[in-house]
Amino acid sequence: MNKLERTYNVSIKVNSNTLKEQKFKGEFPNADLKSILKTISLSTPFNYKINGNEITITE
């Protein structure tokens, strides 16, 4: 998530200890952030809310 924060200039808050421990790998050339989050959530189910430059992730 740190790399997504740097790449897309956003702040990501994860409200789940289980998800905080997850590591995600993948390549998403030229993809927008919403598409990336949607793709990741298919393999590791979570919900997310985008509010400007802040993203909150919950189980």
Protein backbone atom coordinates (compact mmCIF):
# COMPACT_ATOMS: atom_id res chain seq x y z
CA MET A 1 0.00 0.00 0.00
CA ASN A 2 2.94 2.34 0.62
CA LYS A 3 3.92 2.22 -3.04
CA LEU A 4 0.35 3.02 -4.09
CA GLU A 5 0.37 6.00 -1.73
CA ARG A 6 3.57 7.34 -3.27
CA THR A 7 2.63 6.60 -6.88
CA TYR A 8 -0.89 8.07 -6.72
CA ASN A 9 -0.22 10.76 -4.07
CA VAL A 10 -2.91 9.46 -1.71
CA SER A 11 -3.19 8.45 1.93
CA ILE A 12 -4.40 4.91 2.53
CA LYS A 13 -5.79 3.95 5.94
CA VAL A 14 -6.33 0.23 6.55
CA ASN A 15 -8.87 -0.43 9.32
CA SER A 16 -8.19 -4.16 9.62
CA ASN A 17 -5.30 -5.87 11.38
CA THR A 18 -5.66 -8.87 9.06
CA LEU A 19 -5.37 -6.70 5.95
CA LYS A 20 -2.48 -4.67 7.42
CA GLU A 21 -0.42 -7.87 7.49
CA GLN A 22 -1.17 -8.76 3.85
CA LYS A 23 1.44 -8.18 1.16
CA PHE A 24 0.30 -7.57 -2.38
CA LYS A 25 2.37 -8.00 -5.53
CA GLY A 26 1.46 -7.22 -9.07
CA GLU A 27 2.05 -5.01 -12.05
CA PHE A 28 -0.58 -2.58 -13.23
CA PRO A 29 0.96 -0.55 -16.03
CA ASN A 30 -1.06 2.57 -16.81
CA ALA A 31 -3.93 1.50 -14.51
CA ASP A 32 -5.89 3.97 -12.43
CA LEU A 33 -5.99 3.52 -8.66
CA LYS A 34 -9.65 2.50 -8.54
CA SER A 35 -9.00 -0.35 -11.00
CA ILE A 36 -6.03 -1.53 -8.96
CA LEU A 37 -8.01 -1.57 -5.70
CA LYS A 38 -10.87 -3.40 -7.39
CA THR A 39 -8.51 -6.04 -8.79
CA ILE A 40 -6.76 -6.60 -5.45
CA SER A 41 -10.09 -6.87 -3.66
CA LEU A 42 -11.06 -9.80 -5.91
CA SER A 43 -8.34 -12.01 -4.41
CA THR A 44 -8.40 -10.56 -0.88
CA PRO A 45 -11.94 -9.37 -0.17
CA PHE A 46 -12.13 -5.87 1.27
CA ASN A 47 -14.15 -2.71 0.87
CA TYR A 48 -12.72 0.68 0.15
CA LYS A 49 -13.96 4.24 0.16
CA ILE A 50 -12.27 7.03 -1.76
CA ASN A 51 -12.69 10.53 -0.39
CA GLY A 52 -10.48 12.93 -2.32
CA ASN A 53 -6.87 11.91 -1.64
CA GLU A 54 -7.84 9.66 1.27
CA ILE A 55 -8.70 5.99 0.89
CA THR A 56 -10.10 3.90 3.74
CA ILE A 57 -9.94 0.13 3.48
CA THR A 58 -12.09 -2.16 5.65
CA GLU A 59 -12.99 -5.85 5.69
